[in-house]
Amino acid sequence: MDYSSVDQPLSSIKPGNAVYVKDIVQSDLKTKLMEMGIVKGQTLIVMFRAPFGDPIAVDVNGYLLSLRLEEAALVKVEIASVQ
């Protein structure tokens, strides 16, 4: 099975990985996440995690965005394949 094609929550992605946004779970935060640039098809790079794992820092179109794990869990992603 090719695990890169399985949708995963952004909160589970390790630093250094590039991902594509596949979907955002319907919630009160969906609009906020979309306003911050997290939209379907957008490429994100997980940059680093805080010492205890929360929050995480994500590169979104050239700017660094900090997300709590509960927010990142709402974003379903697919790991970008390396070519």
PDB file of N, CA and C in Angstrom:
ATOM      1  N   MET A   1       0.845  -1.196   0.000  1.00  0.00           N
ATOM      2  CA  MET A   1       0.000   0.000   0.000  1.00  0.00           C
ATOM      3  C   MET A   1       0.877   1.242   0.000  1.00  0.00           C
ATOM      4  N   ASP A   2       0.508   2.230  -0.791  1.00  0.00           N
ATOM      5  CA  ASP A   2       1.245   3.492  -0.858  1.00  0.00           C
ATOM      6  C   ASP A   2       0.664   4.436   0.184  1.00  0.00           C
ATOM      7  N   TYR A   3       1.369   4.582   1.309  1.00  0.00           N
ATOM      8  CA  TYR A   3       0.850   5.406   2.410  1.00  0.00           C
ATOM      9  C   TYR A   3       0.836   6.893   2.087  1.00  0.00           C
ATOM     10  N   SER A   4       1.597   7.327   1.088  1.00  0.00           N
ATOM     11  CA  SER A   4       1.609   8.751   0.750  1.00  0.00           C
ATOM     12  C   SER A   4       0.274   9.197   0.165  1.00  0.00           C
ATOM     13  N   SER A   5      -0.538   8.241  -0.333  1.00  0.00           N
ATOM     14  CA  SER A   5      -1.811   8.628  -0.931  1.00  0.00           C
ATOM     15  C   SER A   5      -2.964   8.563   0.070  1.00  0.00           C
ATOM     16  N   VAL A   6      -2.684   8.151   1.304  1.00  0.00           N
ATOM     17  CA  VAL A   6      -3.711   8.066   2.336  1.00  0.00           C
ATOM     18  C   VAL A   6      -3.825   9.421   3.037  1.00  0.00           C
ATOM     19  N   ASP A   7      -5.047   9.925   3.146  1.00  0.00           N
ATOM     20  CA  ASP A   7      -5.246  11.203   3.844  1.00  0.00           C
ATOM     21  C   ASP A   7      -4.887  11.042   5.316  1.00  0.00           C
ATOM     22  N   GLN A   8      -4.111  11.984   5.814  1.00  0.00           N
ATOM     23  CA  GLN A   8      -3.681  11.984   7.208  1.00  0.00           C
ATOM     24  C   GLN A   8      -3.962  13.359   7.790  1.00  0.00           C
ATOM     25  N   PRO A   9      -4.108  13.461   9.104  1.00  0.00           N
ATOM     26  CA  PRO A   9      -4.243  14.795   9.695  1.00  0.00           C
ATOM     27  C   PRO A   9      -2.887  15.500   9.682  1.00  0.00           C
ATOM     28  N   LEU A  10      -2.903  16.787   9.450  1.00  0.00           N
ATOM     29  CA  LEU A  10      -1.674  17.577   9.450  1.00  0.00           C
ATOM     30  C   LEU A  10      -0.936  17.436  10.773  1.00  0.00           C
ATOM     31  N   SER A  11      -1.652  17.237  11.847  1.00  0.00           N
ATOM     32  CA  SER A  11      -1.041  17.103  13.171  1.00  0.00           C
ATOM     33  C   SER A  11      -0.119  15.892  13.284  1.00  0.00           C
ATOM     34  N   SER A  12      -0.260  14.901  12.397  1.00  0.00           N
ATOM     35  CA  SER A  12       0.556  13.687  12.470  1.00  0.00           C
ATOM     36  C   SER A  12       1.804  13.737  11.584  1.00  0.00           C
ATOM     37  N   ILE A  13       1.979  14.795  10.826  1.00  0.00           N
ATOM     38  CA  ILE A  13       3.091  14.891   9.878  1.00  0.00           C
ATOM     39  C   ILE A  13       4.366  15.352  10.593  1.00  0.00           C
ATOM     40  N   LYS A  14       5.471  14.690  10.286  1.00  0.00           N
ATOM     41  CA  LYS A  14       6.748  15.019  10.912  1.00  0.00           C
ATOM     42  C   LYS A  14       7.388  16.223  10.231  1.00  0.00           C
ATOM     43  N   PRO A  15       8.162  17.012  10.982  1.00  0.00           N
ATOM     44  CA  PRO A  15       8.856  18.168  10.401  1.00  0.00           C
ATOM     45  C   PRO A  15       9.715  17.774   9.196  1.00  0.00           C
ATOM     46  N   GLY A  16       9.733  18.673   8.216  1.00  0.00           N
ATOM     47  CA  GLY A  16      10.514  18.452   7.001  1.00  0.00           C
ATOM     48  C   GLY A  16       9.709  17.892   5.852  1.00  0.00           C
ATOM     49  N   ASN A  17       8.479  17.453   6.108  1.00  0.00           N
ATOM     50  CA  ASN A  17       7.639  16.883   5.055  1.00  0.00           C
ATOM     51  C   ASN A  17       6.771  17.944   4.398  1.00  0.00           C
ATOM     52  N   ALA A  18       6.660  17.844   3.079  1.00  0.00           N
ATOM     53  CA  ALA A  18       5.751  18.691   2.314  1.00  0.00           C
ATOM     54  C   ALA A  18       4.469  17.897   2.080  1.00  0.00           C
ATOM     55  N   VAL A  19       3.341  18.580   2.176  1.00  0.00           N
ATOM     56  CA  VAL A  19       2.044  17.927   2.006  1.00  0.00           C
ATOM     57  C   VAL A  19       1.123  18.794   1.159  1.00  0.00           C
ATOM     58  N   TYR A  20       0.104  18.167   0.604  1.00  0.00           N
ATOM     59  CA  TYR A  20      -0.974  18.868  -0.096  1.00  0.00           C
ATOM     60  C   TYR A  20      -2.220  18.801   0.774  1.00  0.00           C
ATOM     61  N   VAL A  21      -2.933  19.903   0.859  1.00  0.00           N
ATOM     62  CA  VAL A  21      -4.191  19.923   1.601  1.00  0.00           C
ATOM     63  C   VAL A  21      -5.248  19.223   0.750  1.00  0.00           C
ATOM     64  N   LYS A  22      -5.848  18.179   1.320  1.00  0.00           N
ATOM     65  CA  LYS A  22      -6.903  17.434   0.629  1.00  0.00           C
ATOM     66  C   LYS A  22      -8.294  17.906   1.047  1.00  0.00           C
ATOM     67  N   ASP A  23      -8.441  18.260   2.339  1.00  0.00           N
ATOM     68  CA  ASP A  23      -9.752  18.653   2.848  1.00  0.00           C
ATOM     69  C   ASP A  23      -9.583  19.281   4.219  1.00  0.00           C
ATOM     70  N   ILE A  24     -10.584  19.998   4.648  1.00  0.00           N
ATOM     71  CA  ILE A  24     -10.639  20.555   6.000  1.00  0.00           C
ATOM     72  C   ILE A  24     -11.946  20.080   6.605  1.00  0.00           C
ATOM     73  N   VAL A  25     -11.852  19.467   7.775  1.00  0.00           N
ATOM     74  CA  VAL A  25     -13.026  18.947   8.463  1.00  0.00           C
ATOM     75  C   VAL A  25     -13.961  20.110   8.799  1.00  0.00           C
ATOM     76  N   GLN A  26     -15.249  19.892   8.594  1.00  0.00           N
ATOM     77  CA  GLN A  26     -16.237  20.927   8.912  1.00  0.00           C
ATOM     78  C   GLN A  26     -16.229  21.193  10.422  1.00  0.00           C
ATOM     79  N   SER A  27     -15.961  22.435  10.780  1.00  0.00           N
ATOM     80  CA  SER A  27     -15.930  22.844  12.185  1.00  0.00           C
ATOM     81  C   SER A  27     -16.033  24.359  12.250  1.00  0.00           C
ATOM     82  N   ASP A  28     -16.072  24.874  13.474  1.00  0.00           N
ATOM     83  CA  ASP A  28     -16.097  26.327  13.655  1.00  0.00           C
ATOM     84  C   ASP A  28     -14.805  26.978  13.187  1.00  0.00           C
ATOM     85  N   LEU A  29     -13.725  26.209  13.088  1.00  0.00           N
ATOM     86  CA  LEU A  29     -12.414  26.748  12.705  1.00  0.00           C
ATOM     87  C   LEU A  29     -12.140  26.689  11.203  1.00  0.00           C
ATOM     88  N   LYS A  30     -13.009  26.043  10.443  1.00  0.00           N
ATOM     89  CA  LYS A  30     -12.752  25.858   9.008  1.00  0.00           C
ATOM     90  C   LYS A  30     -12.531  27.192   8.298  1.00  0.00           C
ATOM     91  N   THR A  31     -13.379  28.152   8.525  1.00  0.00           N
ATOM     92  CA  THR A  31     -13.237  29.452   7.869  1.00  0.00           C
ATOM     93  C   THR A  31     -11.938  30.139   8.283  1.00  0.00           C
ATOM     94  N   LYS A  32     -11.613  30.062   9.565  1.00  0.00           N
ATOM     95  CA  LYS A  32     -10.367  30.665  10.061  1.00  0.00           C
ATOM     96  C   LYS A  32      -9.153  30.046   9.368  1.00  0.00           C
ATOM     97  N   LEU A  33      -9.129  28.731   9.261  1.00  0.00           N
ATOM     98  CA  LEU A  33      -8.013  28.046   8.607  1.00  0.00           C
ATOM     99  C   LEU A  33      -7.908  28.459   7.139  1.00  0.00           C
ATOM    100  N   MET A  34      -9.038  28.557   6.469  1.00  0.00           N
ATOM    101  CA  MET A  34      -9.038  28.962   5.061  1.00  0.00           C
ATOM    102  C   MET A  34      -8.553  30.400   4.903  1.00  0.00           C
ATOM    103  N   GLU A  35      -8.934  31.278   5.814  1.00  0.00           N
ATOM    104  CA  GLU A  35      -8.471  32.668   5.768  1.00  0.00           C
ATOM    105  C   GLU A  35      -6.963  32.771   5.967  1.00  0.00           C
ATOM    106  N   MET A  36      -6.385  31.793   6.664  1.00  0.00           N
ATOM    107  CA  MET A  36      -4.932  31.774   6.893  1.00  0.00           C
ATOM    108  C   MET A  36      -4.182  31.136   5.726  1.00  0.00           C
ATOM    109  N   GLY A  37      -4.893  30.727   4.681  1.00  0.00           N
ATOM    110  CA  GLY A  37      -4.247  30.191   3.492  1.00  0.00           C
ATOM    111  C   GLY A  37      -4.255  28.685   3.378  1.00  0.00           C
ATOM    112  N   ILE A  38      -4.901  28.012   4.303  1.00  0.00           N
ATOM    113  CA  ILE A  38      -4.977  26.560   4.242  1.00  0.00           C
ATOM    114  C   ILE A  38      -6.243  26.198   3.468  1.00  0.00           C
ATOM    115  N   VAL A  39      -6.055  25.953   2.177  1.00  0.00           N
ATOM    116  CA  VAL A  39      -7.171  25.629   1.283  1.00  0.00           C
ATOM    117  C   VAL A  39      -6.823  24.376   0.491  1.00  0.00           C
ATOM    118  N   LYS A  40      -7.826  23.722  -0.045  1.00  0.00           N
ATOM    119  CA  LYS A  40      -7.605  22.512  -0.835  1.00  0.00           C
ATOM    120  C   LYS A  40      -6.588  22.775  -1.936  1.00  0.00           C
ATOM    121  N   GLY A  41      -5.629  21.851  -2.073  1.00  0.00           N
ATOM    122  CA  GLY A  41      -4.620  21.953  -3.117  1.00  0.00           C
ATOM    123  C   GLY A  41      -3.366  22.707  -2.710  1.00  0.00           C
ATOM    124  N   GLN A  42      -3.416  23.448  -1.613  1.00  0.00           N
ATOM    125  CA  GLN A  42      -2.262  24.235  -1.153  1.00  0.00           C
ATOM    126  C   GLN A  42      -1.160  23.299  -0.660  1.00  0.00           C
ATOM    127  N   THR A  43       0.078  23.614  -0.999  1.00  0.00           N
ATOM    128  CA  THR A  43       1.222  22.867  -0.482  1.00  0.00           C
ATOM    129  C   THR A  43       1.654  23.495   0.830  1.00  0.00           C
ATOM    130  N   LEU A  44       1.855  22.660   1.833  1.00  0.00           N
ATOM    131  CA  LEU A  44       2.329  23.089   3.143  1.00  0.00           C
ATOM    132  C   LEU A  44       3.609  22.331   3.457  1.00  0.00           C
ATOM    133  N   ILE A  45       4.505  22.953   4.220  1.00  0.00           N
ATOM    134  CA  ILE A  45       5.703  22.268   4.707  1.00  0.00           C
ATOM    135  C   ILE A  45       5.704  22.379   6.224  1.00  0.00           C
ATOM    136  N   VAL A  46       5.747  21.230   6.887  1.00  0.00           N
ATOM    137  CA  VAL A  46       5.827  21.235   8.349  1.00  0.00           C
ATOM    138  C   VAL A  46       7.279  21.570   8.697  1.00  0.00           C
ATOM    139  N   MET A  47       7.478  22.704   9.352  1.00  0.00           N
ATOM    140  CA  MET A  47       8.827  23.191   9.643  1.00  0.00           C
ATOM    141  C   MET A  47       9.375  22.633  10.950  1.00  0.00           C
ATOM    142  N   PHE A  48       8.624  22.766  12.029  1.00  0.00           N
ATOM    143  CA  PHE A  48       9.077  22.242  13.318  1.00  0.00           C
ATOM    144  C   PHE A  48       7.927  22.171  14.302  1.00  0.00           C
ATOM    145  N   ARG A  49       8.203  21.499  15.418  1.00  0.00           N
ATOM    146  CA  ARG A  49       7.246  21.381  16.518  1.00  0.00           C
ATOM    147  C   ARG A  49       7.855  22.024  17.749  1.00  0.00           C
ATOM    148  N   ALA A  50       7.001  22.535  18.619  1.00  0.00           N
ATOM    149  CA  ALA A  50       7.465  23.064  19.898  1.00  0.00           C
ATOM    150  C   ALA A  50       8.037  21.899  20.715  1.00  0.00           C
ATOM    151  N   PRO A  51       8.845  22.183  21.734  1.00  0.00           N
ATOM    152  CA  PRO A  51       9.489  21.110  22.507  1.00  0.00           C
ATOM    153  C   PRO A  51       8.557  20.013  23.015  1.00  0.00           C
ATOM    154  N   PHE A  52       7.340  20.333  23.396  1.00  0.00           N
ATOM    155  CA  PHE A  52       6.408  19.307  23.861  1.00  0.00           C
ATOM    156  C   PHE A  52       5.421  18.890  22.771  1.00  0.00           C
ATOM    157  N   GLY A  53       5.696  19.280  21.513  1.00  0.00           N
ATOM    158  CA  GLY A  53       4.892  18.848  20.373  1.00  0.00           C
ATOM    159  C   GLY A  53       3.767  19.759  19.960  1.00  0.00           C
ATOM    160  N   ASP A  54       3.427  20.738  20.761  1.00  0.00           N
ATOM    161  CA  ASP A  54       2.288  21.614  20.474  1.00  0.00           C
ATOM    162  C   ASP A  54       2.670  23.045  20.819  1.00  0.00           C
ATOM    163  N   PRO A  55       2.624  23.984  19.897  1.00  0.00           N
ATOM    164  CA  PRO A  55       2.073  23.927  18.542  1.00  0.00           C
ATOM    165  C   PRO A  55       3.108  23.449  17.517  1.00  0.00           C
ATOM    166  N   ILE A  56       2.651  23.413  16.245  1.00  0.00           N
ATOM    167  CA  ILE A  56       3.561  23.115  15.146  1.00  0.00           C
ATOM    168  C   ILE A  56       3.652  24.364  14.277  1.00  0.00           C
ATOM    169  N   ALA A  57       4.761  24.479  13.552  1.00  0.00           N
ATOM    170  CA  ALA A  57       4.954  25.596  12.627  1.00  0.00           C
ATOM    171  C   ALA A  57       4.912  25.054  11.202  1.00  0.00           C
ATOM    172  N   VAL A  58       4.127  25.709  10.364  1.00  0.00           N
ATOM    173  CA  VAL A  58       3.915  25.252   8.998  1.00  0.00           C
ATOM    174  C   VAL A  58       4.192  26.406   8.043  1.00  0.00           C
ATOM    175  N   ASP A  59       4.938  26.130   6.978  1.00  0.00           N
ATOM    176  CA  ASP A  59       5.153  27.121   5.921  1.00  0.00           C
ATOM    177  C   ASP A  59       3.947  27.076   4.993  1.00  0.00           C
ATOM    178  N   VAL A  60       3.264  28.214   4.888  1.00  0.00           N
ATOM    179  CA  VAL A  60       2.102  28.336   4.013  1.00  0.00           C
ATOM    180  C   VAL A  60       2.399  29.429   3.001  1.00  0.00           C
ATOM    181  N   ASN A  61       2.745  29.020   1.805  1.00  0.00           N
ATOM    182  CA  ASN A  61       2.976  29.994   0.730  1.00  0.00           C
ATOM    183  C   ASN A  61       4.000  31.064   1.110  1.00  0.00           C
ATOM    184  N   GLY A  62       5.051  30.667   1.839  1.00  0.00           N
ATOM    185  CA  GLY A  62       6.126  31.593   2.170  1.00  0.00           C
ATOM    186  C   GLY A  62       6.040  32.268   3.525  1.00  0.00           C
ATOM    187  N   TYR A  63       4.999  32.018   4.284  1.00  0.00           N
ATOM    188  CA  TYR A  63       4.974  32.589   5.633  1.00  0.00           C
ATOM    189  C   TYR A  63       4.805  31.475   6.651  1.00  0.00           C
ATOM    190  N   LEU A  64       5.294  31.704   7.850  1.00  0.00           N
ATOM    191  CA  LEU A  64       5.277  30.700   8.901  1.00  0.00           C
ATOM    192  C   LEU A  64       4.017  30.846   9.744  1.00  0.00           C
ATOM    193  N   LEU A  65       3.262  29.771   9.832  1.00  0.00           N
ATOM    194  CA  LEU A  65       2.004  29.752  10.557  1.00  0.00           C
ATOM    195  C   LEU A  65       2.118  28.768  11.711  1.00  0.00           C
ATOM    196  N   SER A  66       1.723  29.201  12.891  1.00  0.00           N
ATOM    197  CA  SER A  66       1.718  28.340  14.061  1.00  0.00           C
ATOM    198  C   SER A  66       0.303  27.822  14.278  1.00  0.00           C
ATOM    199  N   LEU A  67       0.186  26.504  14.416  1.00  0.00           N
ATOM    200  CA  LEU A  67      -1.121  25.875  14.627  1.00  0.00           C
ATOM    201  C   LEU A  67      -1.083  24.979  15.848  1.00  0.00           C
ATOM    202  N   ARG A  68      -2.132  25.031  16.653  1.00  0.00           N
ATOM    203  CA  ARG A  68      -2.283  24.069  17.739  1.00  0.00           C
ATOM    204  C   ARG A  68      -2.573  22.707  17.116  1.00  0.00           C
ATOM    205  N   LEU A  69      -2.234  21.649  17.821  1.00  0.00           N
ATOM    206  CA  LEU A  69      -2.476  20.305  17.293  1.00  0.00           C
ATOM    207  C   LEU A  69      -3.955  20.065  17.032  1.00  0.00           C
ATOM    208  N   GLU A  70      -4.822  20.617  17.878  1.00  0.00           N
ATOM    209  CA  GLU A  70      -6.262  20.427  17.665  1.00  0.00           C
ATOM    210  C   GLU A  70      -6.730  21.112  16.377  1.00  0.00           C
ATOM    211  N   GLU A  71      -6.082  22.226  15.996  1.00  0.00           N
ATOM    212  CA  GLU A  71      -6.397  22.893  14.727  1.00  0.00           C
ATOM    213  C   GLU A  71      -5.831  22.089  13.557  1.00  0.00           C
ATOM    214  N   ALA A  72      -4.573  21.662  13.695  1.00  0.00           N
ATOM    215  CA  ALA A  72      -3.910  20.910  12.630  1.00  0.00           C
ATOM    216  C   ALA A  72      -4.611  19.580  12.363  1.00  0.00           C
ATOM    217  N   ALA A  73      -5.244  19.006  13.370  1.00  0.00           N
ATOM    218  CA  ALA A  73      -5.946  17.734  13.202  1.00  0.00           C
ATOM    219  C   ALA A  73      -7.152  17.866  12.273  1.00  0.00           C
ATOM    220  N   LEU A  74      -7.654  19.067  12.081  1.00  0.00           N
ATOM    221  CA  LEU A  74      -8.800  19.304  11.207  1.00  0.00           C
ATOM    222  C   LEU A  74      -8.412  19.331   9.730  1.00  0.00           C
ATOM    223  N   VAL A  75      -7.108  19.450   9.453  1.00  0.00           N
ATOM    224  CA  VAL A  75      -6.622  19.570   8.080  1.00  0.00           C
ATOM    225  C   VAL A  75      -6.166  18.187   7.607  1.00  0.00           C
ATOM    226  N   LYS A  76      -6.850  17.653   6.599  1.00  0.00           N
ATOM    227  CA  LYS A  76      -6.488  16.353   6.036  1.00  0.00           C
ATOM    228  C   LYS A  76      -5.537  16.586   4.867  1.00  0.00           C
ATOM    229  N   VAL A  77      -4.405  15.892   4.908  1.00  0.00           N
ATOM    230  CA  VAL A  77      -3.352  16.129   3.914  1.00  0.00           C
ATOM    231  C   VAL A  77      -2.867  14.826   3.305  1.00  0.00           C
ATOM    232  N   GLU A  78      -2.140  14.983   2.203  1.00  0.00           N
ATOM    233  CA  GLU A  78      -1.472  13.878   1.531  1.00  0.00           C
ATOM    234  C   GLU A  78      -0.014  14.277   1.378  1.00  0.00           C
ATOM    235  N   ILE A  79       0.888  13.396   1.736  1.00  0.00           N
ATOM    236  CA  ILE A  79       2.315  13.705   1.609  1.00  0.00           C
ATOM    237  C   ILE A  79       2.663  13.883   0.149  1.00  0.00           C
ATOM    238  N   ALA A  80       3.378  14.963  -0.161  1.00  0.00           N
ATOM    239  CA  ALA A  80       3.777  15.262  -1.525  1.00  0.00           C
ATOM    240  C   ALA A  80       4.847  14.266  -1.962  1.00  0.00           C
ATOM    241  N   SER A  81       4.700  13.716  -3.140  1.00  0.00           N
ATOM    242  CA  SER A  81       5.694  12.765  -3.637  1.00  0.00           C
ATOM    243  C   SER A  81       6.926  13.514  -4.106  1.00  0.00           C
ATOM    244  N   VAL A  82       8.079  12.916  -3.855  1.00  0.00           N
ATOM    245  CA  VAL A  82       9.359  13.506  -4.254  1.00  0.00           C
ATOM    246  C   VAL A  82       9.659  13.043  -5.664  1.00  0.00           C
ATOM    247  N   GLN A  83      10.007  14.004  -6.548  1.00  0.00           N
ATOM    248  CA  GLN A  83      10.314  13.660  -7.937  1.00  0.00           C
ATOM    249  C   GLN A  83      11.727  14.008  -8.271  1.00  0.00           C
TER     250      GLN A  83
END
